[in-house]
Amino acid sequence: MLTRRLPILLTGLILSACATPEALRGDFPDTTPAQISSQATSPDAGSKVRWGGTILSMENAADGSCFEILSRPLDSSGKPKSTDEELGRFLTCASDFKDPEIYKPGRIVTVIGTVTGTEKRKVGEFEYTYPKLAAEYIHLWKKESDTPRTYIVDPFWPPYGFYPYYYRVYYVSPPPGTDPQAPVAAQSGAAISQPTKRLQMPSGGVNLPARPLGGLGGR
């Protein structure tokens, strides 16, 4: 029964992990902030783009909240990738209040907005040209440590033992309280400590078809 349901469970997890938030869906040009900053592409005022990245700074004014963002490539769900590749910086302002205790530097966001032009600011001693967006929607992504772990049992991982042996266990998203940049390893063999619930196979084991050994027996 477990082996029959495993592909369905895996498919559901993959689809949920890759789902694009409804507000971020749509077709957008491939223009990046870096292209506009370097004047490789002229800003098309009024064009709608979807950019995302890491908040560098923010400030609140009487008419809303403004952000300086280091742009990064987006994955298929519209979320900025955890990579050192950057696509330039940009400025964006929202017409409503964003709490600076929530939208802290280091948090990642995806912004949908319209290009309104450029603005020159100093980055150290360098005069940098920032593309400017009037934000229509700012999506604040959850911290990785805020996302509960999901465990998947692999019944095909040898040895094909029975209770009380444990099968290889995979988890997605880092556990709370750990470094989200730490490598995610597959857990194998030992029982999982609290507060994670221990995963055990039923006492009857799992019935698996016989697997022929290559090079042995008749052909």
N, C-alpha and C. Protein backbone atom coordinates (compact mmCIF):
# COMPACT_ATOMS: atom_id res chain seq x y z
N MET A 1 0.83 -1.21 0.00
CA MET A 1 0.00 0.00 0.00
C MET A 1 0.87 1.26 0.00
N LEU A 2 1.94 1.22 0.83
CA LEU A 2 2.84 2.38 0.90
C LEU A 2 3.53 2.64 -0.43
N THR A 3 3.97 1.52 -1.07
CA THR A 3 4.68 1.69 -2.34
C THR A 3 3.77 2.23 -3.42
N ARG A 4 2.48 1.92 -3.34
CA ARG A 4 1.53 2.43 -4.34
C ARG A 4 1.26 3.91 -4.14
N ARG A 5 1.26 4.35 -2.89
CA ARG A 5 0.93 5.74 -2.61
C ARG A 5 2.13 6.67 -2.72
N LEU A 6 3.35 6.13 -2.65
CA LEU A 6 4.54 6.97 -2.61
C LEU A 6 4.66 7.88 -3.82
N PRO A 7 4.45 7.40 -5.08
CA PRO A 7 4.54 8.32 -6.22
C PRO A 7 3.54 9.47 -6.14
N ILE A 8 2.34 9.17 -5.63
CA ILE A 8 1.32 10.23 -5.50
C ILE A 8 1.76 11.26 -4.48
N LEU A 9 2.31 10.81 -3.35
CA LEU A 9 2.77 11.73 -2.32
C LEU A 9 3.91 12.59 -2.84
N LEU A 10 4.85 11.97 -3.54
CA LEU A 10 5.98 12.72 -4.07
C LEU A 10 5.53 13.76 -5.08
N THR A 11 4.59 13.38 -5.95
CA THR A 11 4.08 14.32 -6.94
C THR A 11 3.40 15.50 -6.27
N GLY A 12 2.61 15.24 -5.24
CA GLY A 12 1.93 16.32 -4.53
C GLY A 12 2.90 17.27 -3.87
N LEU A 13 3.97 16.73 -3.28
CA LEU A 13 4.97 17.57 -2.63
C LEU A 13 5.70 18.44 -3.64
N ILE A 14 6.05 17.86 -4.78
CA ILE A 14 6.76 18.62 -5.79
C ILE A 14 5.90 19.75 -6.34
N LEU A 15 4.63 19.44 -6.64
CA LEU A 15 3.74 20.46 -7.18
C LEU A 15 3.49 21.58 -6.19
N SER A 16 3.31 21.25 -4.91
CA SER A 16 3.07 22.28 -3.90
C SER A 16 4.29 23.14 -3.69
N ALA A 17 5.49 22.51 -3.78
CA ALA A 17 6.72 23.27 -3.57
C ALA A 17 6.99 24.23 -4.72
N CYS A 18 6.54 23.87 -5.94
CA CYS A 18 6.81 24.67 -7.13
C CYS A 18 5.68 25.61 -7.49
N ALA A 19 4.59 25.62 -6.72
CA ALA A 19 3.43 26.42 -7.07
C ALA A 19 3.76 27.91 -6.98
N THR A 20 3.35 28.65 -8.01
CA THR A 20 3.55 30.10 -8.02
C THR A 20 2.37 30.77 -7.33
N PRO A 21 2.63 31.65 -6.34
CA PRO A 21 1.52 32.40 -5.74
C PRO A 21 0.71 33.11 -6.82
N GLU A 22 -0.59 33.10 -6.67
CA GLU A 22 -1.48 33.62 -7.72
C GLU A 22 -1.13 35.05 -8.11
N ALA A 23 -0.79 35.88 -7.12
CA ALA A 23 -0.51 37.28 -7.41
C ALA A 23 0.76 37.48 -8.23
N LEU A 24 1.62 36.44 -8.31
CA LEU A 24 2.88 36.56 -9.04
C LEU A 24 2.81 35.96 -10.44
N ARG A 25 1.66 35.41 -10.80
CA ARG A 25 1.55 34.75 -12.09
C ARG A 25 1.39 35.76 -13.23
N GLY A 26 1.84 35.35 -14.40
CA GLY A 26 1.71 36.22 -15.56
C GLY A 26 2.94 36.13 -16.44
N ASP A 27 2.90 36.82 -17.56
CA ASP A 27 4.02 36.89 -18.49
C ASP A 27 4.71 38.24 -18.34
N PHE A 28 6.02 38.19 -18.18
CA PHE A 28 6.79 39.42 -17.95
C PHE A 28 8.03 39.42 -18.83
N PRO A 29 8.52 40.58 -19.21
CA PRO A 29 9.73 40.65 -20.04
C PRO A 29 10.95 40.17 -19.26
N ASP A 30 12.00 39.80 -20.01
CA ASP A 30 13.22 39.29 -19.39
C ASP A 30 14.19 40.39 -19.00
N THR A 31 13.81 41.63 -19.15
CA THR A 31 14.69 42.75 -18.82
C THR A 31 15.08 42.70 -17.34
N THR A 32 16.37 42.89 -17.06
CA THR A 32 16.86 42.86 -15.68
C THR A 32 17.24 44.26 -15.23
N PRO A 33 17.30 44.50 -13.91
CA PRO A 33 17.77 45.80 -13.43
C PRO A 33 19.18 46.13 -13.92
N ALA A 34 20.06 45.12 -14.00
CA ALA A 34 21.43 45.36 -14.45
C ALA A 34 21.48 45.89 -15.87
N GLN A 35 20.61 45.38 -16.74
CA GLN A 35 20.58 45.84 -18.12
C GLN A 35 20.19 47.30 -18.21
N ILE A 36 19.23 47.71 -17.39
CA ILE A 36 18.81 49.12 -17.38
C ILE A 36 19.90 49.98 -16.75
N SER A 37 20.51 49.47 -15.66
CA SER A 37 21.54 50.24 -14.97
C SER A 37 22.74 50.51 -15.86
N SER A 38 23.11 49.50 -16.67
CA SER A 38 24.27 49.66 -17.57
C SER A 38 23.89 50.34 -18.88
N GLN A 39 22.62 50.69 -19.02
CA GLN A 39 22.08 51.34 -20.21
C GLN A 39 22.15 50.43 -21.44
N ALA A 40 22.28 49.11 -21.17
CA ALA A 40 22.19 48.17 -22.28
C ALA A 40 20.77 48.10 -22.81
N THR A 41 19.82 48.40 -21.92
CA THR A 41 18.41 48.44 -22.29
C THR A 41 17.81 49.73 -21.75
N SER A 42 17.18 50.49 -22.59
CA SER A 42 16.55 51.72 -22.13
C SER A 42 15.29 51.38 -21.35
N PRO A 43 15.09 52.04 -20.20
CA PRO A 43 13.88 51.75 -19.43
C PRO A 43 12.63 52.16 -20.19
N ASP A 44 11.75 51.21 -20.32
CA ASP A 44 10.48 51.46 -21.00
C ASP A 44 9.47 51.86 -19.94
N ALA A 45 9.34 53.16 -19.73
CA ALA A 45 8.46 53.65 -18.67
C ALA A 45 7.05 53.13 -18.88
N GLY A 46 6.50 52.58 -17.82
CA GLY A 46 5.14 52.06 -17.87
C GLY A 46 5.08 50.57 -18.09
N SER A 47 6.20 49.92 -18.45
CA SER A 47 6.18 48.47 -18.66
C SER A 47 6.16 47.75 -17.32
N LYS A 48 5.45 46.65 -17.26
CA LYS A 48 5.32 45.90 -16.01
C LYS A 48 6.37 44.79 -15.99
N VAL A 49 7.06 44.65 -14.85
CA VAL A 49 8.09 43.63 -14.70
C VAL A 49 7.87 42.88 -13.40
N ARG A 50 8.52 41.72 -13.30
CA ARG A 50 8.53 40.95 -12.06
C ARG A 50 9.98 40.71 -11.68
N TRP A 51 10.42 41.44 -10.66
CA TRP A 51 11.79 41.32 -10.18
C TRP A 51 11.76 40.87 -8.73
N GLY A 52 12.83 40.26 -8.30
CA GLY A 52 12.90 39.83 -6.90
C GLY A 52 14.34 39.78 -6.44
N GLY A 53 14.50 39.66 -5.13
CA GLY A 53 15.84 39.58 -4.58
C GLY A 53 15.85 39.81 -3.09
N THR A 54 16.99 40.28 -2.60
CA THR A 54 17.23 40.46 -1.17
C THR A 54 17.11 41.92 -0.78
N ILE A 55 16.36 42.20 0.27
CA ILE A 55 16.23 43.57 0.76
C ILE A 55 17.58 44.03 1.33
N LEU A 56 18.07 45.17 0.82
CA LEU A 56 19.30 45.77 1.35
C LEU A 56 18.99 46.85 2.38
N SER A 57 17.94 47.61 2.12
CA SER A 57 17.53 48.67 3.05
C SER A 57 16.10 49.06 2.75
N MET A 58 15.48 49.71 3.71
CA MET A 58 14.13 50.24 3.51
C MET A 58 13.94 51.49 4.34
N GLU A 59 13.00 52.31 3.93
CA GLU A 59 12.65 53.50 4.69
C GLU A 59 11.18 53.80 4.49
N ASN A 60 10.57 54.33 5.52
CA ASN A 60 9.16 54.68 5.45
C ASN A 60 9.00 56.19 5.34
N ALA A 61 8.19 56.61 4.39
CA ALA A 61 7.89 58.02 4.21
C ALA A 61 6.41 58.25 4.50
N ALA A 62 6.00 59.48 4.37
CA ALA A 62 4.61 59.80 4.67
C ALA A 62 3.65 59.12 3.70
N ASP A 63 4.13 58.84 2.49
CA ASP A 63 3.24 58.27 1.48
C ASP A 63 3.50 56.80 1.19
N GLY A 64 4.30 56.11 2.01
CA GLY A 64 4.50 54.68 1.78
C GLY A 64 5.88 54.21 2.20
N SER A 65 6.26 53.03 1.72
CA SER A 65 7.52 52.40 2.09
C SER A 65 8.34 52.15 0.83
N CYS A 66 9.65 52.42 0.93
CA CYS A 66 10.55 52.26 -0.20
C CYS A 66 11.68 51.30 0.16
N PHE A 67 12.13 50.54 -0.86
CA PHE A 67 13.13 49.50 -0.64
C PHE A 67 14.26 49.63 -1.65
N GLU A 68 15.45 49.27 -1.20
CA GLU A 68 16.59 49.03 -2.07
C GLU A 68 16.79 47.52 -2.09
N ILE A 69 16.79 46.92 -3.28
CA ILE A 69 16.80 45.47 -3.39
C ILE A 69 17.92 45.01 -4.32
N LEU A 70 18.64 43.99 -3.90
CA LEU A 70 19.63 43.34 -4.75
C LEU A 70 18.92 42.24 -5.53
N SER A 71 18.83 42.42 -6.82
CA SER A 71 18.04 41.50 -7.65
C SER A 71 18.78 40.18 -7.87
N ARG A 72 18.00 39.08 -7.86
CA ARG A 72 18.54 37.75 -8.11
C ARG A 72 17.62 37.03 -9.10
N PRO A 73 18.14 35.99 -9.77
CA PRO A 73 17.28 35.22 -10.69
C PRO A 73 16.12 34.60 -9.93
N LEU A 74 15.00 34.45 -10.61
CA LEU A 74 13.81 33.85 -10.02
C LEU A 74 13.67 32.41 -10.49
N ASP A 75 13.14 31.56 -9.62
CA ASP A 75 12.86 30.18 -10.03
C ASP A 75 11.49 30.13 -10.69
N SER A 76 11.04 28.91 -11.00
CA SER A 76 9.79 28.76 -11.74
C SER A 76 8.57 29.24 -10.96
N SER A 77 8.70 29.37 -9.63
CA SER A 77 7.58 29.84 -8.82
C SER A 77 7.62 31.35 -8.59
N GLY A 78 8.66 32.01 -9.13
CA GLY A 78 8.79 33.45 -8.93
C GLY A 78 9.58 33.82 -7.70
N LYS A 79 10.19 32.84 -7.04
CA LYS A 79 10.96 33.09 -5.82
C LYS A 79 12.43 33.31 -6.18
N PRO A 80 13.07 34.31 -5.57
CA PRO A 80 14.50 34.51 -5.82
C PRO A 80 15.32 33.29 -5.41
N LYS A 81 16.27 32.92 -6.26
CA LYS A 81 17.10 31.76 -5.98
C LYS A 81 18.17 32.09 -4.94
N SER A 82 18.55 31.07 -4.18
CA SER A 82 19.65 31.21 -3.21
C SER A 82 20.95 31.00 -3.97
N THR A 83 21.46 32.08 -4.54
CA THR A 83 22.65 32.00 -5.37
C THR A 83 23.42 33.29 -5.25
N ASP A 84 24.72 33.24 -5.57
CA ASP A 84 25.53 34.44 -5.57
C ASP A 84 25.37 35.24 -6.85
N GLU A 85 24.65 34.70 -7.82
CA GLU A 85 24.40 35.44 -9.06
C GLU A 85 23.45 36.59 -8.77
N GLU A 86 23.84 37.77 -9.19
CA GLU A 86 22.96 38.92 -8.98
C GLU A 86 22.71 39.62 -10.30
N LEU A 87 21.56 40.30 -10.35
CA LEU A 87 21.11 40.93 -11.59
C LEU A 87 21.00 42.44 -11.44
N GLY A 88 21.82 43.01 -10.54
CA GLY A 88 21.79 44.45 -10.33
C GLY A 88 20.91 44.83 -9.15
N ARG A 89 20.84 46.11 -8.90
CA ARG A 89 20.02 46.65 -7.81
C ARG A 89 18.86 47.45 -8.40
N PHE A 90 17.80 47.56 -7.61
CA PHE A 90 16.70 48.42 -8.02
C PHE A 90 16.01 49.01 -6.81
N LEU A 91 15.27 50.06 -7.04
CA LEU A 91 14.49 50.73 -5.99
C LEU A 91 13.01 50.51 -6.29
N THR A 92 12.24 50.30 -5.25
CA THR A 92 10.79 50.17 -5.44
C THR A 92 10.08 50.76 -4.24
N CYS A 93 8.94 51.37 -4.50
CA CYS A 93 8.15 51.98 -3.43
C CYS A 93 6.72 51.46 -3.48
N ALA A 94 6.18 51.16 -2.31
CA ALA A 94 4.79 50.75 -2.16
C ALA A 94 4.01 51.90 -1.56
N SER A 95 2.75 51.99 -1.92
CA SER A 95 1.93 53.11 -1.45
C SER A 95 1.40 52.89 -0.04
N ASP A 96 1.59 51.68 0.51
CA ASP A 96 1.12 51.41 1.87
C ASP A 96 2.31 51.23 2.81
N PHE A 97 2.03 51.10 4.09
CA PHE A 97 3.07 50.97 5.11
C PHE A 97 3.54 49.52 5.21
N LYS A 98 4.86 49.32 5.21
CA LYS A 98 5.47 48.02 5.43
C LYS A 98 6.31 48.12 6.70
N ASP A 99 6.04 47.23 7.65
CA ASP A 99 6.71 47.31 8.94
C ASP A 99 8.18 46.94 8.81
N PRO A 100 9.10 47.82 9.23
CA PRO A 100 10.53 47.54 9.10
C PRO A 100 11.00 46.37 9.96
N GLU A 101 10.22 45.97 10.96
CA GLU A 101 10.59 44.82 11.77
C GLU A 101 10.29 43.51 11.05
N ILE A 102 9.45 43.58 10.03
CA ILE A 102 9.13 42.40 9.22
C ILE A 102 9.96 42.41 7.94
N TYR A 103 9.97 43.54 7.26
CA TYR A 103 10.71 43.68 6.01
C TYR A 103 12.14 44.12 6.29
N LYS A 104 12.86 43.26 6.97
CA LYS A 104 14.22 43.58 7.39
C LYS A 104 15.21 43.31 6.27
N PRO A 105 16.37 43.98 6.30
CA PRO A 105 17.43 43.63 5.36
C PRO A 105 17.78 42.14 5.48
N GLY A 106 17.95 41.50 4.34
CA GLY A 106 18.22 40.07 4.32
C GLY A 106 17.02 39.23 3.93
N ARG A 107 15.79 39.76 4.14
CA ARG A 107 14.60 39.02 3.72
C ARG A 107 14.49 39.08 2.19
N ILE A 108 13.84 38.06 1.63
CA ILE A 108 13.71 38.02 0.18
C ILE A 108 12.27 38.33 -0.23
N VAL A 109 12.15 39.05 -1.32
CA VAL A 109 10.85 39.50 -1.82
C VAL A 109 10.80 39.35 -3.33
N THR A 110 9.59 39.29 -3.85
CA THR A 110 9.36 39.39 -5.28
C THR A 110 8.38 40.53 -5.51
N VAL A 111 8.71 41.40 -6.46
CA VAL A 111 7.94 42.61 -6.69
C VAL A 111 7.38 42.62 -8.10
N ILE A 112 6.12 42.95 -8.22
CA ILE A 112 5.51 43.23 -9.52
C ILE A 112 5.21 44.72 -9.54
N GLY A 113 5.70 45.39 -10.56
CA GLY A 113 5.49 46.83 -10.63
C GLY A 113 5.79 47.37 -12.01
N THR A 114 5.63 48.67 -12.16
CA THR A 114 5.88 49.33 -13.44
C THR A 114 7.14 50.18 -13.33
N VAL A 115 7.92 50.16 -14.41
CA VAL A 115 9.16 50.95 -14.45
C VAL A 115 8.79 52.42 -14.59
N THR A 116 9.37 53.25 -13.72
CA THR A 116 9.07 54.69 -13.75
C THR A 116 10.28 55.53 -14.12
N GLY A 117 11.44 54.89 -14.31
CA GLY A 117 12.64 55.65 -14.65
C GLY A 117 13.85 55.14 -13.89
N THR A 118 14.83 56.00 -13.69
CA THR A 118 16.05 55.64 -12.96
C THR A 118 16.40 56.74 -11.96
N GLU A 119 17.27 56.38 -11.03
CA GLU A 119 17.76 57.34 -10.04
C GLU A 119 19.20 56.99 -9.70
N LYS A 120 20.06 58.00 -9.65
CA LYS A 120 21.47 57.79 -9.33
C LYS A 120 21.69 57.96 -7.82
N ARG A 121 22.39 56.96 -7.25
CA ARG A 121 22.77 57.01 -5.83
C ARG A 121 24.19 56.48 -5.68
N LYS A 122 24.81 56.86 -4.59
CA LYS A 122 26.16 56.39 -4.31
C LYS A 122 26.12 55.03 -3.64
N VAL A 123 26.94 54.10 -4.12
CA VAL A 123 27.21 52.83 -3.43
C VAL A 123 28.69 52.88 -3.08
N GLY A 124 28.99 53.25 -1.84
CA GLY A 124 30.36 53.60 -1.52
C GLY A 124 30.72 54.88 -2.23
N GLU A 125 31.76 54.86 -3.04
CA GLU A 125 32.14 56.02 -3.83
C GLU A 125 31.64 55.92 -5.27
N PHE A 126 30.98 54.79 -5.59
CA PHE A 126 30.54 54.57 -6.96
C PHE A 126 29.14 55.12 -7.16
N GLU A 127 28.96 55.85 -8.23
CA GLU A 127 27.62 56.37 -8.55
C GLU A 127 26.87 55.33 -9.37
N TYR A 128 25.83 54.77 -8.76
CA TYR A 128 25.09 53.65 -9.36
C TYR A 128 23.74 54.15 -9.87
N THR A 129 23.35 53.64 -11.04
CA THR A 129 22.06 53.99 -11.63
C THR A 129 21.03 52.93 -11.26
N TYR A 130 20.09 53.30 -10.44
CA TYR A 130 19.04 52.37 -9.99
C TYR A 130 17.79 52.49 -10.86
N PRO A 131 17.32 51.40 -11.43
CA PRO A 131 15.97 51.42 -12.01
C PRO A 131 14.95 51.59 -10.88
N LYS A 132 13.85 52.27 -11.17
CA LYS A 132 12.81 52.52 -10.16
C LYS A 132 11.51 51.85 -10.58
N LEU A 133 10.89 51.19 -9.61
CA LEU A 133 9.59 50.54 -9.84
C LEU A 133 8.55 51.15 -8.92
N ALA A 134 7.36 51.37 -9.46
CA ALA A 134 6.19 51.66 -8.63
C ALA A 134 5.55 50.31 -8.34
N ALA A 135 5.66 49.85 -7.10
CA ALA A 135 5.22 48.49 -6.77
C ALA A 135 3.70 48.38 -6.76
N GLU A 136 3.22 47.36 -7.45
CA GLU A 136 1.81 47.02 -7.38
C GLU A 136 1.58 45.91 -6.36
N TYR A 137 2.59 45.05 -6.21
CA TYR A 137 2.48 43.94 -5.25
C TYR A 137 3.89 43.54 -4.82
N ILE A 138 4.07 43.38 -3.51
CA ILE A 138 5.33 42.91 -2.95
C ILE A 138 5.06 41.64 -2.17
N HIS A 139 5.67 40.55 -2.61
CA HIS A 139 5.48 39.26 -1.94
C HIS A 139 6.70 39.00 -1.05
N LEU A 140 6.45 38.91 0.25
CA LEU A 140 7.50 38.59 1.21
C LEU A 140 7.52 37.08 1.42
N TRP A 141 8.64 36.45 1.07
CA TRP A 141 8.75 35.00 1.20
C TRP A 141 9.07 34.60 2.63
N LYS A 142 8.54 33.49 3.05
CA LYS A 142 8.80 33.01 4.40
C LYS A 142 10.26 32.65 4.56
N LYS A 143 10.75 32.81 5.78
CA LYS A 143 12.09 32.32 6.09
C LYS A 143 12.07 30.81 5.98
N GLU A 144 13.19 30.25 5.53
CA GLU A 144 13.25 28.79 5.38
C GLU A 144 13.00 28.10 6.72
N SER A 145 13.47 28.69 7.82
CA SER A 145 13.32 28.06 9.12
C SER A 145 11.89 28.12 9.63
N ASP A 146 11.02 28.95 8.95
CA ASP A 146 9.62 29.04 9.37
C ASP A 146 8.77 27.94 8.73
N THR A 147 9.36 27.21 7.78
CA THR A 147 8.61 26.20 7.05
C THR A 147 8.79 24.84 7.67
N PRO A 148 7.72 24.15 8.07
CA PRO A 148 7.85 22.82 8.68
C PRO A 148 8.51 21.84 7.73
N ARG A 149 9.26 20.91 8.30
CA ARG A 149 9.87 19.87 7.49
C ARG A 149 8.84 18.84 7.05
N THR A 150 9.01 18.34 5.86
CA THR A 150 8.19 17.25 5.36
C THR A 150 9.09 16.06 5.12
N TYR A 151 8.72 14.91 5.68
CA TYR A 151 9.54 13.71 5.58
C TYR A 151 8.97 12.75 4.56
N ILE A 152 9.87 12.11 3.83
CA ILE A 152 9.49 11.11 2.83
C ILE A 152 10.29 9.85 3.12
N VAL A 153 9.60 8.73 3.25
CA VAL A 153 10.26 7.45 3.49
C VAL A 153 10.51 6.76 2.16
N ASP A 154 11.74 6.31 1.95
CA ASP A 154 12.10 5.61 0.73
C ASP A 154 12.13 4.11 1.00
N PRO A 155 11.09 3.36 0.65
CA PRO A 155 11.05 1.93 0.96
C PRO A 155 11.97 1.11 0.07
N PHE A 156 12.54 1.73 -0.97
CA PHE A 156 13.39 0.98 -1.88
C PHE A 156 14.87 1.07 -1.51
N TRP A 157 15.17 1.82 -0.44
CA TRP A 157 16.57 1.95 -0.04
C TRP A 157 17.01 0.69 0.69
N PRO A 158 18.07 0.00 0.20
CA PRO A 158 18.51 -1.23 0.86
C PRO A 158 19.11 -0.93 2.22
N PRO A 159 19.11 -1.86 3.18
CA PRO A 159 18.57 -3.21 3.01
C PRO A 159 17.05 -3.23 3.12
N TYR A 160 16.41 -4.20 2.47
CA TYR A 160 14.97 -4.33 2.52
C TYR A 160 14.58 -5.03 3.82
N GLY A 161 14.89 -4.40 4.93
CA GLY A 161 14.67 -5.03 6.23
C GLY A 161 13.25 -4.87 6.72
N PHE A 162 12.98 -5.46 7.86
CA PHE A 162 11.69 -5.34 8.49
C PHE A 162 11.86 -4.63 9.82
N TYR A 163 10.76 -4.39 10.47
CA TYR A 163 10.77 -3.76 11.78
C TYR A 163 11.73 -4.52 12.69
N PRO A 164 12.58 -3.88 13.52
CA PRO A 164 12.60 -2.44 13.79
C PRO A 164 13.59 -1.64 12.97
N TYR A 165 13.98 -2.12 11.76
CA TYR A 165 14.91 -1.36 10.95
C TYR A 165 14.19 -0.14 10.37
N TYR A 166 14.97 0.87 10.07
CA TYR A 166 14.40 2.09 9.53
C TYR A 166 14.86 2.27 8.09
N TYR A 167 13.99 2.83 7.29
CA TYR A 167 14.31 3.08 5.91
C TYR A 167 14.85 4.49 5.75
N ARG A 168 15.50 4.72 4.63
CA ARG A 168 16.07 6.03 4.38
C ARG A 168 14.98 7.09 4.39
N VAL A 169 15.26 8.21 5.06
CA VAL A 169 14.28 9.28 5.20
C VAL A 169 14.85 10.55 4.61
N TYR A 170 14.09 11.20 3.71
CA TYR A 170 14.49 12.46 3.15
C TYR A 170 13.62 13.56 3.78
N TYR A 171 14.19 14.76 3.90
CA TYR A 171 13.34 15.87 4.31
C TYR A 171 13.61 17.05 3.41
N VAL A 172 12.57 17.87 3.24
CA VAL A 172 12.70 19.08 2.46
C VAL A 172 12.49 20.27 3.38
N SER A 173 13.28 21.32 3.13
CA SER A 173 13.36 22.54 3.93
C SER A 173 14.06 22.27 5.24
N PRO A 174 14.99 23.17 5.62
CA PRO A 174 15.77 22.95 6.83
C PRO A 174 14.91 23.01 8.08
N PRO A 175 15.29 22.32 9.15
CA PRO A 175 14.51 22.32 10.38
C PRO A 175 14.60 23.66 11.08
N PRO A 176 13.57 24.00 11.88
CA PRO A 176 13.59 25.27 12.61
C PRO A 176 14.82 25.36 13.50
N GLY A 177 15.40 26.58 13.54
CA GLY A 177 16.52 26.82 14.42
C GLY A 177 17.86 26.44 13.83
N THR A 178 17.89 26.04 12.55
CA THR A 178 19.16 25.70 11.93
C THR A 178 19.48 26.68 10.83
N ASP A 179 20.72 26.64 10.37
CA ASP A 179 21.17 27.52 9.31
C ASP A 179 20.54 27.09 8.00
N PRO A 180 19.72 27.96 7.36
CA PRO A 180 19.06 27.55 6.12
C PRO A 180 20.05 27.31 4.98
N GLN A 181 21.31 27.79 5.13
CA GLN A 181 22.30 27.57 4.10
C GLN A 181 23.06 26.26 4.30
N ALA A 182 22.83 25.60 5.46
CA ALA A 182 23.53 24.35 5.71
C ALA A 182 23.05 23.28 4.74
N PRO A 183 23.95 22.36 4.33
CA PRO A 183 23.51 21.34 3.38
C PRO A 183 22.43 20.45 3.95
N VAL A 184 21.47 20.10 3.10
CA VAL A 184 20.38 19.23 3.50
C VAL A 184 20.76 17.80 3.16
N ALA A 185 20.94 16.97 4.16
CA ALA A 185 21.40 15.60 3.94
C ALA A 185 20.25 14.64 4.15
N ALA A 186 20.34 13.50 3.49
CA ALA A 186 19.35 12.44 3.70
C ALA A 186 19.66 11.75 5.01
N GLN A 187 18.63 11.53 5.81
CA GLN A 187 18.79 10.85 7.08
C GLN A 187 18.62 9.36 6.87
N SER A 188 19.52 8.55 7.40
CA SER A 188 19.45 7.12 7.15
C SER A 188 19.82 6.36 8.40
N GLY A 189 19.11 5.26 8.64
CA GLY A 189 19.51 4.34 9.71
C GLY A 189 18.87 4.64 11.03
N ALA A 190 19.41 5.60 11.79
CA ALA A 190 18.96 5.82 13.16
C ALA A 190 17.59 6.47 13.20
N ALA A 191 16.92 6.28 14.34
CA ALA A 191 15.61 6.89 14.53
C ALA A 191 15.76 8.39 14.61
N ILE A 192 14.70 9.13 14.24
CA ILE A 192 14.74 10.58 14.25
C ILE A 192 14.37 11.07 15.64
N SER A 193 15.18 11.99 16.19
CA SER A 193 14.97 12.44 17.56
C SER A 193 13.80 13.41 17.64
N GLN A 194 13.29 13.58 18.85
CA GLN A 194 12.21 14.52 19.10
C GLN A 194 12.73 15.92 18.83
N PRO A 195 11.86 16.94 18.45
CA PRO A 195 10.42 16.80 18.41
C PRO A 195 9.88 16.16 17.15
N THR A 196 10.74 15.62 16.28
CA THR A 196 10.26 14.97 15.08
C THR A 196 9.77 13.57 15.41
N LYS A 197 8.61 13.22 14.89
CA LYS A 197 8.05 11.92 15.16
C LYS A 197 8.85 10.83 14.47
N ARG A 198 9.16 9.74 15.18
CA ARG A 198 9.91 8.63 14.62
C ARG A 198 9.08 7.93 13.54
N LEU A 199 9.77 7.62 12.44
CA LEU A 199 9.11 6.94 11.33
C LEU A 199 9.53 5.48 11.34
N GLN A 200 8.56 4.57 11.44
CA GLN A 200 8.83 3.15 11.48
C GLN A 200 8.01 2.45 10.40
N MET A 201 8.55 1.35 9.92
CA MET A 201 7.80 0.55 8.98
C MET A 201 6.90 -0.42 9.75
N PRO A 202 5.78 -0.81 9.17
CA PRO A 202 4.91 -1.76 9.84
C PRO A 202 5.62 -3.08 10.06
N SER A 203 5.16 -3.81 11.12
CA SER A 203 5.82 -5.05 11.51
C SER A 203 5.81 -6.09 10.39
N GLY A 204 4.84 -6.01 9.51
CA GLY A 204 4.77 -6.98 8.42
C GLY A 204 5.72 -6.68 7.28
N GLY A 205 6.41 -5.50 7.34
CA GLY A 205 7.34 -5.15 6.29
C GLY A 205 6.62 -4.72 5.03
N VAL A 206 7.38 -4.58 3.95
CA VAL A 206 6.83 -4.19 2.66
C VAL A 206 7.14 -5.28 1.65
N ASN A 207 6.14 -5.76 0.95
CA ASN A 207 6.35 -6.78 -0.06
C ASN A 207 6.89 -6.15 -1.33
N LEU A 208 8.08 -6.57 -1.72
CA LEU A 208 8.71 -6.03 -2.91
C LEU A 208 8.98 -7.16 -3.90
N PRO A 209 8.87 -6.89 -5.19
CA PRO A 209 9.15 -7.93 -6.18
C PRO A 209 10.61 -8.31 -6.17
N ALA A 210 10.88 -9.59 -6.54
CA ALA A 210 12.25 -10.06 -6.57
C ALA A 210 13.02 -9.32 -7.63
N ARG A 211 14.29 -9.02 -7.34
CA ARG A 211 15.13 -8.30 -8.27
C ARG A 211 16.26 -9.20 -8.74
N PRO A 212 16.33 -9.52 -10.04
CA PRO A 212 17.40 -10.40 -10.52
C PRO A 212 18.76 -9.73 -10.38
N LEU A 213 19.78 -10.51 -10.07
CA LEU A 213 21.13 -10.02 -9.97
C LEU A 213 21.80 -10.10 -11.33
N GLY A 214 22.33 -8.97 -11.78
CA GLY A 214 22.96 -8.95 -13.09
C GLY A 214 24.16 -9.87 -13.15
N GLY A 215 24.29 -10.63 -14.20
CA GLY A 215 25.47 -11.48 -14.39
C GLY A 215 25.33 -12.85 -13.79
N LEU A 216 24.24 -13.12 -13.04
CA LEU A 216 24.05 -14.42 -12.39
C LEU A 216 22.81 -15.07 -12.97
N GLY A 217 22.81 -16.41 -12.97
CA GLY A 217 21.62 -17.13 -13.43
C GLY A 217 21.58 -17.22 -14.94
N GLY A 218 20.55 -17.91 -15.42
CA GLY A 218 20.42 -18.09 -16.86
C GLY A 218 19.95 -16.86 -17.55
N ARG A 219 20.21 -16.80 -18.80
CA ARG A 219 19.78 -15.65 -19.60
C ARG A 219 18.53 -16.01 -20.39
